[in-house]
Amino acid sequence: MDFLETLFWDLREKRLPLTQELVENERVTSSLMEQVKETMGVAMADKVDGIYGEHEDIACDYFFRYGVQLGLELLGLLV
């Protein structure tokens, strides 16, 4: 595991600050997942939850690395 990957996962494990927007988003997400469970069953809900989790990890990793690269370029440390 390289340095950026270690840093990414350390930061990823930090809890987001509980803003009103985050609390509302979690409430809506939970409600929708309950509807998926009721409509399609627990197995499908687990699959949906898993694939969205993987997508979030991939997107966060991409934007994290892009942000580090941009920051280094702005500091003039990366050509």
PDB file of N, CA and C in Angstrom:
ATOM      1  N   MET A   1       0.857  -1.176   0.000  1.00  0.00           N
ATOM      2  CA  MET A   1       0.000   0.000   0.000  1.00  0.00           C
ATOM      3  C   MET A   1       0.900   1.234   0.000  1.00  0.00           C
ATOM      4  N   ASP A   2       0.646   2.141  -0.908  1.00  0.00           N
ATOM      5  CA  ASP A   2       1.478   3.343  -0.967  1.00  0.00           C
ATOM      6  C   ASP A   2       0.988   4.399   0.033  1.00  0.00           C
ATOM      7  N   PHE A   3       1.793   5.445   0.184  1.00  0.00           N
ATOM      8  CA  PHE A   3       1.507   6.491   1.159  1.00  0.00           C
ATOM      9  C   PHE A   3       0.140   7.134   0.952  1.00  0.00           C
ATOM     10  N   LEU A   4      -0.184   7.474  -0.303  1.00  0.00           N
ATOM     11  CA  LEU A   4      -1.468   8.135  -0.579  1.00  0.00           C
ATOM     12  C   LEU A   4      -2.641   7.220  -0.240  1.00  0.00           C
ATOM     13  N   GLU A   5      -2.496   5.945  -0.515  1.00  0.00           N
ATOM     14  CA  GLU A   5      -3.580   5.005  -0.209  1.00  0.00           C
ATOM     15  C   GLU A   5      -3.775   4.901   1.307  1.00  0.00           C
ATOM     16  N   THR A   6      -2.684   4.848   2.044  1.00  0.00           N
ATOM     17  CA  THR A   6      -2.772   4.804   3.507  1.00  0.00           C
ATOM     18  C   THR A   6      -3.433   6.071   4.041  1.00  0.00           C
ATOM     19  N   LEU A   7      -3.005   7.222   3.544  1.00  0.00           N
ATOM     20  CA  LEU A   7      -3.589   8.490   3.962  1.00  0.00           C
ATOM     21  C   LEU A   7      -5.080   8.543   3.616  1.00  0.00           C
ATOM     22  N   PHE A   8      -5.416   8.100   2.405  1.00  0.00           N
ATOM     23  CA  PHE A   8      -6.820   8.099   1.972  1.00  0.00           C
ATOM     24  C   PHE A   8      -7.680   7.295   2.938  1.00  0.00           C
ATOM     25  N   TRP A   9      -7.259   6.064   3.246  1.00  0.00           N
ATOM     26  CA  TRP A   9      -8.086   5.197   4.100  1.00  0.00           C
ATOM     27  C   TRP A   9      -8.131   5.697   5.540  1.00  0.00           C
ATOM     28  N   ASP A  10      -7.047   6.308   6.014  1.00  0.00           N
ATOM     29  CA  ASP A  10      -7.077   6.901   7.350  1.00  0.00           C
ATOM     30  C   ASP A  10      -8.098   8.033   7.404  1.00  0.00           C
ATOM     31  N   LEU A  11      -8.092   8.872   6.375  1.00  0.00           N
ATOM     32  CA  LEU A  11      -9.060   9.975   6.320  1.00  0.00           C
ATOM     33  C   LEU A  11     -10.482   9.458   6.110  1.00  0.00           C
ATOM     34  N   ARG A  12     -10.626   8.401   5.324  1.00  0.00           N
ATOM     35  CA  ARG A  12     -11.950   7.831   5.010  1.00  0.00           C
ATOM     36  C   ARG A  12     -12.634   7.294   6.263  1.00  0.00           C
ATOM     37  N   GLU A  13     -11.830   6.839   7.227  1.00  0.00           N
ATOM     38  CA  GLU A  13     -12.376   6.269   8.457  1.00  0.00           C
ATOM     39  C   GLU A  13     -12.877   7.332   9.432  1.00  0.00           C
ATOM     40  N   LYS A  14     -12.450   8.579   9.220  1.00  0.00           N
ATOM     41  CA  LYS A  14     -12.915   9.654  10.098  1.00  0.00           C
ATOM     42  C   LYS A  14     -14.411   9.863   9.906  1.00  0.00           C
ATOM     43  N   ARG A  15     -15.079  10.170  10.979  1.00  0.00           N
ATOM     44  CA  ARG A  15     -16.525  10.417  10.932  1.00  0.00           C
ATOM     45  C   ARG A  15     -16.771  11.825  10.413  1.00  0.00           C
ATOM     46  N   LEU A  16     -17.705  11.947   9.490  1.00  0.00           N
ATOM     47  CA  LEU A  16     -18.084  13.269   8.991  1.00  0.00           C
ATOM     48  C   LEU A  16     -18.773  14.063  10.092  1.00  0.00           C
ATOM     49  N   PRO A  17     -18.612  15.372  10.091  1.00  0.00           N
ATOM     50  CA  PRO A  17     -19.328  16.188  11.080  1.00  0.00           C
ATOM     51  C   PRO A  17     -20.830  16.092  10.838  1.00  0.00           C
ATOM     52  N   LEU A  18     -21.583  15.985  11.911  1.00  0.00           N
ATOM     53  CA  LEU A  18     -23.027  15.805  11.789  1.00  0.00           C
ATOM     54  C   LEU A  18     -23.721  17.128  11.473  1.00  0.00           C
ATOM     55  N   THR A  19     -23.741  17.455  10.198  1.00  0.00           N
ATOM     56  CA  THR A  19     -24.465  18.643   9.760  1.00  0.00           C
ATOM     57  C   THR A  19     -25.924  18.264   9.542  1.00  0.00           C
ATOM     58  N   GLN A  20     -26.771  19.248   9.447  1.00  0.00           N
ATOM     59  CA  GLN A  20     -28.191  19.011   9.199  1.00  0.00           C
ATOM     60  C   GLN A  20     -28.377  18.312   7.854  1.00  0.00           C
ATOM     61  N   GLU A  21     -27.588  18.703   6.864  1.00  0.00           N
ATOM     62  CA  GLU A  21     -27.667  18.096   5.536  1.00  0.00           C
ATOM     63  C   GLU A  21     -27.294  16.612   5.577  1.00  0.00           C
ATOM     64  N   LEU A  22     -26.233  16.279   6.311  1.00  0.00           N
ATOM     65  CA  LEU A  22     -25.802  14.881   6.417  1.00  0.00           C
ATOM     66  C   LEU A  22     -26.844  14.039   7.145  1.00  0.00           C
ATOM     67  N   VAL A  23     -27.380  14.555   8.221  1.00  0.00           N
ATOM     68  CA  VAL A  23     -28.402  13.828   8.980  1.00  0.00           C
ATOM     69  C   VAL A  23     -29.611  13.551   8.093  1.00  0.00           C
ATOM     70  N   GLU A  24     -30.039  14.540   7.332  1.00  0.00           N
ATOM     71  CA  GLU A  24     -31.193  14.366   6.428  1.00  0.00           C
ATOM     72  C   GLU A  24     -30.870  13.352   5.338  1.00  0.00           C
ATOM     73  N   ASN A  25     -29.671  13.428   4.777  1.00  0.00           N
ATOM     74  CA  ASN A  25     -29.263  12.487   3.736  1.00  0.00           C
ATOM     75  C   ASN A  25     -29.261  11.053   4.274  1.00  0.00           C
ATOM     76  N   GLU A  26     -28.740  10.851   5.474  1.00  0.00           N
ATOM     77  CA  GLU A  26     -28.722   9.519   6.076  1.00  0.00           C
ATOM     78  C   GLU A  26     -30.134   9.011   6.354  1.00  0.00           C
ATOM     79  N   ARG A  27     -31.027   9.921   6.750  1.00  0.00           N
ATOM     80  CA  ARG A  27     -32.415   9.529   7.001  1.00  0.00           C
ATOM     81  C   ARG A  27     -33.080   9.063   5.714  1.00  0.00           C
ATOM     82  N   VAL A  28     -32.894   9.829   4.641  1.00  0.00           N
ATOM     83  CA  VAL A  28     -33.486   9.484   3.346  1.00  0.00           C
ATOM     84  C   VAL A  28     -32.886   8.180   2.818  1.00  0.00           C
ATOM     85  N   THR A  29     -31.570   8.038   2.923  1.00  0.00           N
ATOM     86  CA  THR A  29     -30.905   6.823   2.461  1.00  0.00           C
ATOM     87  C   THR A  29     -31.433   5.608   3.207  1.00  0.00           C
ATOM     88  N   SER A  30     -31.557   5.719   4.511  1.00  0.00           N
ATOM     89  CA  SER A  30     -32.063   4.612   5.324  1.00  0.00           C
ATOM     90  C   SER A  30     -33.496   4.256   4.929  1.00  0.00           C
ATOM     91  N   SER A  31     -34.310   5.262   4.715  1.00  0.00           N
ATOM     92  CA  SER A  31     -35.707   5.039   4.313  1.00  0.00           C
ATOM     93  C   SER A  31     -35.785   4.333   2.958  1.00  0.00           C
ATOM     94  N   LEU A  32     -34.962   4.783   2.014  1.00  0.00           N
ATOM     95  CA  LEU A  32     -34.956   4.156   0.692  1.00  0.00           C
ATOM     96  C   LEU A  32     -34.473   2.717   0.754  1.00  0.00           C
ATOM     97  N   MET A  33     -33.454   2.450   1.557  1.00  0.00           N
ATOM     98  CA  MET A  33     -32.955   1.078   1.681  1.00  0.00           C
ATOM     99  C   MET A  33     -34.002   0.170   2.320  1.00  0.00           C
ATOM    100  N   GLU A  34     -34.767   0.697   3.247  1.00  0.00           N
ATOM    101  CA  GLU A  34     -35.859  -0.088   3.834  1.00  0.00           C
ATOM    102  C   GLU A  34     -36.909  -0.428   2.773  1.00  0.00           C
ATOM    103  N   GLN A  35     -37.190   0.524   1.882  1.00  0.00           N
ATOM    104  CA  GLN A  35     -38.139   0.270   0.798  1.00  0.00           C
ATOM    105  C   GLN A  35     -37.607  -0.792  -0.159  1.00  0.00           C
ATOM    106  N   VAL A  36     -36.298  -0.745  -0.442  1.00  0.00           N
ATOM    107  CA  VAL A  36     -35.686  -1.756  -1.310  1.00  0.00           C
ATOM    108  C   VAL A  36     -35.800  -3.124  -0.650  1.00  0.00           C
ATOM    109  N   LYS A  37     -35.542  -3.203   0.668  1.00  0.00           N
ATOM    110  CA  LYS A  37     -35.648  -4.475   1.397  1.00  0.00           C
ATOM    111  C   LYS A  37     -37.060  -5.028   1.313  1.00  0.00           C
ATOM    112  N   GLU A  38     -38.046  -4.154   1.526  1.00  0.00           N
ATOM    113  CA  GLU A  38     -39.448  -4.588   1.500  1.00  0.00           C
ATOM    114  C   GLU A  38     -39.873  -5.025   0.105  1.00  0.00           C
ATOM    115  N   THR A  39     -39.407  -4.325  -0.910  1.00  0.00           N
ATOM    116  CA  THR A  39     -39.823  -4.594  -2.278  1.00  0.00           C
ATOM    117  C   THR A  39     -39.065  -5.749  -2.910  1.00  0.00           C
ATOM    118  N   MET A  40     -37.754  -5.771  -2.726  1.00  0.00           N
ATOM    119  CA  MET A  40     -36.920  -6.732  -3.445  1.00  0.00           C
ATOM    120  C   MET A  40     -36.220  -7.753  -2.559  1.00  0.00           C
ATOM    121  N   GLY A  41     -36.328  -7.584  -1.260  1.00  0.00           N
ATOM    122  CA  GLY A  41     -35.715  -8.537  -0.347  1.00  0.00           C
ATOM    123  C   GLY A  41     -34.361  -8.071   0.171  1.00  0.00           C
ATOM    124  N   VAL A  42     -33.933  -8.731   1.242  1.00  0.00           N
ATOM    125  CA  VAL A  42     -32.696  -8.360   1.912  1.00  0.00           C
ATOM    126  C   VAL A  42     -31.473  -8.587   1.027  1.00  0.00           C
ATOM    127  N   ALA A  43     -31.460  -9.688   0.273  1.00  0.00           N
ATOM    128  CA  ALA A  43     -30.304 -10.005  -0.580  1.00  0.00           C
ATOM    129  C   ALA A  43     -30.075  -8.901  -1.611  1.00  0.00           C
ATOM    130  N   MET A  44     -31.132  -8.438  -2.249  1.00  0.00           N
ATOM    131  CA  MET A  44     -30.995  -7.372  -3.249  1.00  0.00           C
ATOM    132  C   MET A  44     -30.586  -6.061  -2.586  1.00  0.00           C
ATOM    133  N   ALA A  45     -31.140  -5.766  -1.417  1.00  0.00           N
ATOM    134  CA  ALA A  45     -30.765  -4.548  -0.699  1.00  0.00           C
ATOM    135  C   ALA A  45     -29.284  -4.577  -0.347  1.00  0.00           C
ATOM    136  N   ASP A  46     -28.784  -5.738   0.065  1.00  0.00           N
ATOM    137  CA  ASP A  46     -27.356  -5.870   0.371  1.00  0.00           C
ATOM    138  C   ASP A  46     -26.504  -5.658  -0.873  1.00  0.00           C
ATOM    139  N   LYS A  47     -26.958  -6.175  -2.018  1.00  0.00           N
ATOM    140  CA  LYS A  47     -26.222  -5.970  -3.274  1.00  0.00           C
ATOM    141  C   LYS A  47     -26.195  -4.498  -3.659  1.00  0.00           C
ATOM    142  N   VAL A  48     -27.330  -3.828  -3.561  1.00  0.00           N
ATOM    143  CA  VAL A  48     -27.417  -2.398  -3.897  1.00  0.00           C
ATOM    144  C   VAL A  48     -26.517  -1.595  -2.964  1.00  0.00           C
ATOM    145  N   ASP A  49     -26.598  -1.888  -1.678  1.00  0.00           N
ATOM    146  CA  ASP A  49     -25.778  -1.182  -0.702  1.00  0.00           C
ATOM    147  C   ASP A  49     -24.287  -1.410  -0.977  1.00  0.00           C
ATOM    148  N   GLY A  50     -23.920  -2.633  -1.310  1.00  0.00           N
ATOM    149  CA  GLY A  50     -22.526  -2.960  -1.593  1.00  0.00           C
ATOM    150  C   GLY A  50     -21.987  -2.248  -2.815  1.00  0.00           C
ATOM    151  N   ILE A  51     -22.775  -2.229  -3.888  1.00  0.00           N
ATOM    152  CA  ILE A  51     -22.291  -1.610  -5.125  1.00  0.00           C
ATOM    153  C   ILE A  51     -22.195  -0.095  -4.973  1.00  0.00           C
ATOM    154  N   TYR A  52     -23.134   0.513  -4.243  1.00  0.00           N
ATOM    155  CA  TYR A  52     -23.030   1.954  -4.006  1.00  0.00           C
ATOM    156  C   TYR A  52     -21.844   2.269  -3.102  1.00  0.00           C
ATOM    157  N   GLY A  53     -21.562   1.390  -2.151  1.00  0.00           N
ATOM    158  CA  GLY A  53     -20.391   1.577  -1.297  1.00  0.00           C
ATOM    159  C   GLY A  53     -19.099   1.503  -2.093  1.00  0.00           C
ATOM    160  N   GLU A  54     -19.005   0.529  -2.996  1.00  0.00           N
ATOM    161  CA  GLU A  54     -17.821   0.412  -3.848  1.00  0.00           C
ATOM    162  C   GLU A  54     -17.675   1.638  -4.748  1.00  0.00           C
ATOM    163  N   HIS A  55     -18.782   2.094  -5.316  1.00  0.00           N
ATOM    164  CA  HIS A  55     -18.752   3.280  -6.177  1.00  0.00           C
ATOM    165  C   HIS A  55     -18.262   4.493  -5.393  1.00  0.00           C
ATOM    166  N   GLU A  56     -18.749   4.637  -4.170  1.00  0.00           N
ATOM    167  CA  GLU A  56     -18.328   5.762  -3.334  1.00  0.00           C
ATOM    168  C   GLU A  56     -16.835   5.684  -3.041  1.00  0.00           C
ATOM    169  N   ASP A  57     -16.333   4.490  -2.744  1.00  0.00           N
ATOM    170  CA  ASP A  57     -14.895   4.325  -2.482  1.00  0.00           C
ATOM    171  C   ASP A  57     -14.066   4.714  -3.702  1.00  0.00           C
ATOM    172  N   ILE A  58     -14.475   4.275  -4.880  1.00  0.00           N
ATOM    173  CA  ILE A  58     -13.745   4.580  -6.109  1.00  0.00           C
ATOM    174  C   ILE A  58     -13.763   6.085  -6.382  1.00  0.00           C
ATOM    175  N   ALA A  59     -14.939   6.704  -6.249  1.00  0.00           N
ATOM    176  CA  ALA A  59     -15.062   8.141  -6.502  1.00  0.00           C
ATOM    177  C   ALA A  59     -14.252   8.942  -5.487  1.00  0.00           C
ATOM    178  N   CYS A  60     -14.343   8.574  -4.221  1.00  0.00           N
ATOM    179  CA  CYS A  60     -13.588   9.299  -3.192  1.00  0.00           C
ATOM    180  C   CYS A  60     -12.089   9.166  -3.423  1.00  0.00           C
ATOM    181  N   ASP A  61     -11.630   7.979  -3.791  1.00  0.00           N
ATOM    182  CA  ASP A  61     -10.210   7.770  -4.063  1.00  0.00           C
ATOM    183  C   ASP A  61      -9.756   8.646  -5.227  1.00  0.00           C
ATOM    184  N   TYR A  62     -10.536   8.686  -6.287  1.00  0.00           N
ATOM    185  CA  TYR A  62     -10.194   9.491  -7.456  1.00  0.00           C
ATOM    186  C   TYR A  62     -10.092  10.970  -7.082  1.00  0.00           C
ATOM    187  N   PHE A  63     -11.100  11.485  -6.413  1.00  0.00           N
ATOM    188  CA  PHE A  63     -11.105  12.907  -6.074  1.00  0.00           C
ATOM    189  C   PHE A  63     -10.047  13.249  -5.037  1.00  0.00           C
ATOM    190  N   PHE A  64      -9.755  12.326  -4.127  1.00  0.00           N
ATOM    191  CA  PHE A  64      -8.687  12.536  -3.153  1.00  0.00           C
ATOM    192  C   PHE A  64      -7.351  12.679  -3.871  1.00  0.00           C
ATOM    193  N   ARG A  65      -7.057  11.729  -4.762  1.00  0.00           N
ATOM    194  CA  ARG A  65      -5.785  11.774  -5.490  1.00  0.00           C
ATOM    195  C   ARG A  65      -5.711  13.019  -6.385  1.00  0.00           C
ATOM    196  N   TYR A  66      -6.816  13.374  -6.999  1.00  0.00           N
ATOM    197  CA  TYR A  66      -6.842  14.580  -7.822  1.00  0.00           C
ATOM    198  C   TYR A  66      -6.564  15.810  -6.963  1.00  0.00           C
ATOM    199  N   GLY A  67      -7.159  15.868  -5.781  1.00  0.00           N
ATOM    200  CA  GLY A  67      -6.951  17.004  -4.881  1.00  0.00           C
ATOM    201  C   GLY A  67      -5.509  17.105  -4.410  1.00  0.00           C
ATOM    202  N   VAL A  68      -4.906  15.966  -4.104  1.00  0.00           N
ATOM    203  CA  VAL A  68      -3.493  15.979  -3.701  1.00  0.00           C
ATOM    204  C   VAL A  68      -2.633  16.457  -4.862  1.00  0.00           C
ATOM    205  N   GLN A  69      -2.887  15.938  -6.056  1.00  0.00           N
ATOM    206  CA  GLN A  69      -2.117  16.349  -7.234  1.00  0.00           C
ATOM    207  C   GLN A  69      -2.280  17.842  -7.498  1.00  0.00           C
ATOM    208  N   LEU A  70      -3.499  18.330  -7.442  1.00  0.00           N
ATOM    209  CA  LEU A  70      -3.752  19.752  -7.655  1.00  0.00           C
ATOM    210  C   LEU A  70      -3.043  20.597  -6.595  1.00  0.00           C
ATOM    211  N   GLY A  71      -3.115  20.160  -5.350  1.00  0.00           N
ATOM    212  CA  GLY A  71      -2.440  20.891  -4.272  1.00  0.00           C
ATOM    213  C   GLY A  71      -0.931  20.971  -4.486  1.00  0.00           C
ATOM    214  N   LEU A  72      -0.349  19.845  -4.905  1.00  0.00           N
ATOM    215  CA  LEU A  72       1.100  19.843  -5.181  1.00  0.00           C
ATOM    216  C   LEU A  72       1.448  20.738  -6.365  1.00  0.00           C
ATOM    217  N   GLU A  73       0.604  20.725  -7.379  1.00  0.00           N
ATOM    218  CA  GLU A  73       0.844  21.592  -8.535  1.00  0.00           C
ATOM    219  C   GLU A  73       0.746  23.069  -8.126  1.00  0.00           C
ATOM    220  N   LEU A  74      -0.226  23.396  -7.308  1.00  0.00           N
ATOM    221  CA  LEU A  74      -0.375  24.784  -6.843  1.00  0.00           C
ATOM    222  C   LEU A  74       0.810  25.227  -5.991  1.00  0.00           C
ATOM    223  N   LEU A  75       1.392  24.297  -5.273  1.00  0.00           N
ATOM    224  CA  LEU A  75       2.571  24.599  -4.457  1.00  0.00           C
ATOM    225  C   LEU A  75       3.852  24.608  -5.289  1.00  0.00           C
ATOM    226  N   GLY A  76       3.745  24.202  -6.528  1.00  0.00           N
ATOM    227  CA  GLY A  76       4.900  24.155  -7.405  1.00  0.00           C
ATOM    228  C   GLY A  76       5.807  22.971  -7.146  1.00  0.00           C
ATOM    229  N   LEU A  77       5.281  21.935  -6.463  1.00  0.00           N
ATOM    230  CA  LEU A  77       6.094  20.769  -6.131  1.00  0.00           C
ATOM    231  C   LEU A  77       5.962  19.654  -7.157  1.00  0.00           C
ATOM    232  N   LEU A  78       5.040  19.800  -8.073  1.00  0.00           N
ATOM    233  CA  LEU A  78       4.803  18.771  -9.073  1.00  0.00           C
ATOM    234  C   LEU A  78       4.798  19.432 -10.436  1.00  0.00           C
ATOM    235  N   VAL A  79       5.521  18.861 -11.354  1.00  0.00           N
ATOM    236  CA  VAL A  79       5.616  19.467 -12.691  1.00  0.00           C
ATOM    237  C   VAL A  79       4.662  18.759 -13.630  1.00  0.00           C
TER     238      VAL A  79
END
